[in-house]
Amino acid sequence: MSFQQIFGVVVSVGSVLFLIAAFSPISKVYAESESARRLAIIQENPRGWWLSQVLFGLGAVITAVAIGFWAVQIGEWLAYLSFLAMLVGALLWSWLVYHRALAPEAFAAGTLPYWPFVIYTILTQLGLAIFGSVLIMLLGSNLPGWVGWLNVVGSVLFFILYLVFKDMPPFVYYLLTLITGVMFYLA
């Protein structure tokens, strides 16, 4: 298996872990507006809640670390910048989901700090836009050109939607990385 295929597999694994957490049955808690109902949903399935938070953290970190290995492989400074943005974002996200897992009451009540989510969101979108830009610049790559554009346009679109709605479900970023990972594997 080539480095490109290994990268594709690892990015896909990280993305799938995140998406499993995002679409697990416990995730209905995020659509609930009433704090008492959110807490009840979590208390009905505390293991599911804990597992989803672990998968969220692992998915984000694995995806970011894979981009780091890719950056080292291609040696482009913008790729390193993409990795740095993704990694810092993933670490902030992991800090947040750690606290969600430890204090579901605080999550349900909406008393956990919001700033880690905001910074995670901005850094992840920035990291993906830079990642896509590097893919576009790699003209000798055997990836289709649309893969880079998917990351750039998707990130910009998600950023605009985030500004409009003041929220963005993070799973959308991992749809981009999943498609990218599959394309790396197939190329």
Protein backbone atom coordinates (compact mmCIF):
# COMPACT_ATOMS: atom_id res chain seq x y z
CA MET A 1 0.00 0.00 0.00
CA SER A 2 1.34 3.43 -0.94
CA PHE A 3 1.66 6.35 1.46
CA GLN A 4 -1.23 8.02 -0.36
CA GLN A 5 -3.46 4.99 0.21
CA ILE A 6 -2.44 4.73 3.87
CA PHE A 7 -3.22 8.43 4.29
CA GLY A 8 -6.59 7.85 2.65
CA VAL A 9 -7.39 4.99 5.01
CA VAL A 10 -6.32 6.87 8.17
CA VAL A 11 -8.21 10.05 7.23
CA SER A 12 -11.25 7.93 6.40
CA VAL A 13 -11.04 6.06 9.72
CA GLY A 14 -10.85 9.33 11.67
CA SER A 15 -13.76 10.73 9.67
CA VAL A 16 -15.88 7.61 10.11
CA LEU A 17 -15.29 7.58 13.88
CA PHE A 18 -16.50 11.18 14.06
CA LEU A 19 -19.51 10.43 11.85
CA ILE A 20 -20.45 7.37 13.91
CA ALA A 21 -20.57 9.62 16.97
CA ALA A 22 -22.53 12.28 15.11
CA PHE A 23 -25.18 9.88 13.86
CA SER A 24 -25.41 7.59 16.88
CA PRO A 25 -28.82 7.39 18.58
CA ILE A 26 -27.61 9.51 21.53
CA SER A 27 -26.96 12.41 19.14
CA LYS A 28 -30.64 13.28 19.16
CA VAL A 29 -29.67 15.21 22.29
CA TYR A 30 -28.19 17.98 20.11
CA ALA A 31 -31.56 18.70 18.50
CA GLU A 32 -33.27 19.05 21.88
CA SER A 33 -33.77 22.62 23.07
CA GLU A 34 -34.97 21.88 26.60
CA SER A 35 -32.13 21.26 29.07
CA ALA A 36 -34.12 18.83 31.25
CA ARG A 37 -34.93 16.72 28.20
CA ARG A 38 -31.27 16.80 27.07
CA LEU A 39 -30.20 15.50 30.46
CA ALA A 40 -32.89 12.81 30.41
CA ILE A 41 -31.68 11.59 27.00
CA ILE A 42 -28.11 11.36 28.31
CA GLN A 43 -29.19 9.63 31.53
CA GLU A 44 -31.14 7.05 29.52
CA ASN A 45 -27.89 5.99 27.83
CA PRO A 46 -24.82 7.15 29.81
CA ARG A 47 -22.52 4.64 28.08
CA GLY A 48 -23.71 5.78 24.68
CA TRP A 49 -23.07 9.38 25.70
CA TRP A 50 -19.59 8.60 26.96
CA LEU A 51 -18.74 6.50 23.88
CA SER A 52 -19.97 9.19 21.50
CA GLN A 53 -17.76 11.79 23.17
CA VAL A 54 -14.73 9.47 22.93
CA LEU A 55 -15.43 8.83 19.25
CA PHE A 56 -15.85 12.56 18.58
CA GLY A 57 -12.45 13.28 20.13
CA LEU A 58 -10.66 10.35 18.50
CA GLY A 59 -12.12 11.10 15.09
CA ALA A 60 -10.99 14.72 15.15
CA VAL A 61 -7.48 13.94 16.45
CA ILE A 62 -6.87 11.01 14.07
CA THR A 63 -7.94 13.12 11.10
CA ALA A 64 -5.69 16.01 12.14
CA VAL A 65 -2.69 13.75 12.80
CA ALA A 66 -3.13 12.10 9.40
CA ILE A 67 -3.00 15.53 7.78
CA GLY A 68 0.19 16.14 9.78
CA PHE A 69 1.82 13.02 8.36
CA TRP A 70 0.69 14.07 4.90
CA ALA A 71 2.24 17.52 5.46
CA VAL A 72 5.56 15.91 6.41
CA GLN A 73 5.39 13.69 3.33
CA ILE A 74 4.84 16.53 0.87
CA GLY A 75 6.94 19.11 2.74
CA GLU A 76 4.86 22.17 1.84
CA TRP A 77 4.70 24.90 4.49
CA LEU A 78 1.00 25.49 3.81
CA ALA A 79 0.36 21.81 4.51
CA TYR A 80 2.04 22.25 7.89
CA LEU A 81 -0.18 25.28 8.53
CA SER A 82 -3.24 23.18 7.66
CA PHE A 83 -2.08 20.51 10.09
CA LEU A 84 -1.46 23.04 12.84
CA ALA A 85 -4.92 24.56 12.47
CA MET A 86 -6.57 21.13 12.38
CA LEU A 87 -4.56 19.86 15.36
CA VAL A 88 -5.19 22.84 17.63
CA GLY A 89 -8.86 22.72 16.65
CA ALA A 90 -9.03 18.97 17.35
CA LEU A 91 -7.36 19.40 20.74
CA LEU A 92 -9.83 22.13 21.72
CA TRP A 93 -12.68 19.94 20.52
CA SER A 94 -11.28 17.01 22.50
CA TRP A 95 -11.10 19.18 25.60
CA LEU A 96 -14.75 20.10 25.10
CA VAL A 97 -15.99 16.55 24.55
CA TYR A 98 -13.94 15.40 27.55
CA HIS A 99 -15.84 17.89 29.69
CA ARG A 100 -19.12 16.85 28.08
CA ALA A 101 -18.40 13.25 29.03
CA LEU A 102 -17.43 14.14 32.61
CA ALA A 103 -20.19 16.67 33.23
CA PRO A 104 -23.27 15.81 31.18
CA GLU A 105 -25.35 17.98 33.53
CA ALA A 106 -23.26 21.02 32.56
CA PHE A 107 -23.62 20.16 28.88
CA ALA A 108 -27.39 19.73 29.23
CA ALA A 109 -27.70 23.03 31.11
CA GLY A 110 -25.54 24.83 28.54
CA THR A 111 -22.99 25.94 31.12
CA LEU A 112 -19.87 24.53 29.50
CA PRO A 113 -17.69 27.22 27.92
CA TYR A 114 -18.63 27.95 24.32
CA TRP A 115 -15.30 29.45 23.19
CA PRO A 116 -13.56 26.08 22.55
CA PHE A 117 -16.29 25.21 20.06
CA VAL A 118 -15.99 28.58 18.30
CA ILE A 119 -12.20 28.32 17.97
CA TYR A 120 -12.42 24.64 16.95
CA THR A 121 -14.94 25.55 14.27
CA ILE A 122 -12.87 28.40 12.84
CA LEU A 123 -9.57 26.48 12.96
CA THR A 124 -11.04 23.35 11.41
CA GLN A 125 -12.62 25.33 8.58
CA LEU A 126 -9.37 27.22 8.04
CA GLY A 127 -7.35 24.00 8.14
CA LEU A 128 -9.60 22.34 5.58
CA ALA A 129 -9.51 25.38 3.29
CA ILE A 130 -5.71 25.42 3.40
CA PHE A 131 -5.59 21.65 2.92
CA GLY A 132 -7.78 21.98 -0.16
CA SER A 133 -5.64 24.84 -1.46
CA VAL A 134 -2.52 22.70 -1.18
CA LEU A 135 -4.28 19.89 -3.04
CA ILE A 136 -5.17 22.34 -5.82
CA MET A 137 -1.55 23.55 -5.99
CA LEU A 138 -0.24 19.99 -6.34
CA LEU A 139 -0.80 19.86 -10.06
CA GLY A 140 1.27 16.70 -10.41
CA SER A 141 -1.02 14.86 -8.03
CA ASN A 142 -3.03 11.95 -9.34
CA LEU A 143 -6.10 13.16 -7.44
CA PRO A 144 -8.95 14.74 -9.39
CA GLY A 145 -8.85 18.54 -9.09
CA TRP A 146 -12.32 18.67 -7.58
CA VAL A 147 -11.04 17.05 -4.36
CA GLY A 148 -9.09 20.18 -3.46
CA TRP A 149 -11.93 22.43 -4.52
CA LEU A 150 -14.37 20.39 -2.44
CA ASN A 151 -12.39 21.23 0.68
CA VAL A 152 -11.92 24.91 -0.19
CA VAL A 153 -15.48 25.61 -1.31
CA GLY A 154 -16.98 23.42 1.41
CA SER A 155 -14.99 25.20 4.11
CA VAL A 156 -15.90 28.65 2.82
CA LEU A 157 -19.56 27.68 2.52
CA PHE A 158 -19.60 26.21 6.04
CA PHE A 159 -17.93 29.36 7.39
CA ILE A 160 -20.57 31.58 5.78
CA LEU A 161 -23.33 29.34 7.16
CA TYR A 162 -21.67 29.45 10.58
CA LEU A 163 -21.68 33.25 10.50
CA VAL A 164 -25.33 33.33 9.44
CA PHE A 165 -26.66 30.71 11.86
CA LYS A 166 -24.06 31.11 14.67
CA ASP A 167 -23.66 27.33 14.65
CA MET A 168 -22.50 24.53 12.39
CA PRO A 169 -22.76 20.82 13.08
CA PRO A 170 -19.14 19.61 13.05
CA PHE A 171 -19.93 16.38 11.24
CA VAL A 172 -20.00 18.33 7.96
CA TYR A 173 -16.22 18.79 8.11
CA TYR A 174 -15.73 15.06 8.39
CA LEU A 175 -17.92 14.42 5.37
CA LEU A 176 -15.36 16.46 3.43
CA THR A 177 -12.42 14.55 4.90
CA LEU A 178 -14.15 11.20 4.34
CA ILE A 179 -14.67 11.94 0.65
CA THR A 180 -11.08 13.18 0.43
CA GLY A 181 -9.74 10.09 2.21
CA VAL A 182 -11.63 7.76 -0.13
CA MET A 183 -10.30 9.64 -3.14
CA PHE A 184 -6.73 9.43 -1.81
CA TYR A 185 -7.16 5.69 -1.39
CA LEU A 186 -8.63 5.21 -4.87
CA ALA A 187 -6.17 7.48 -6.72
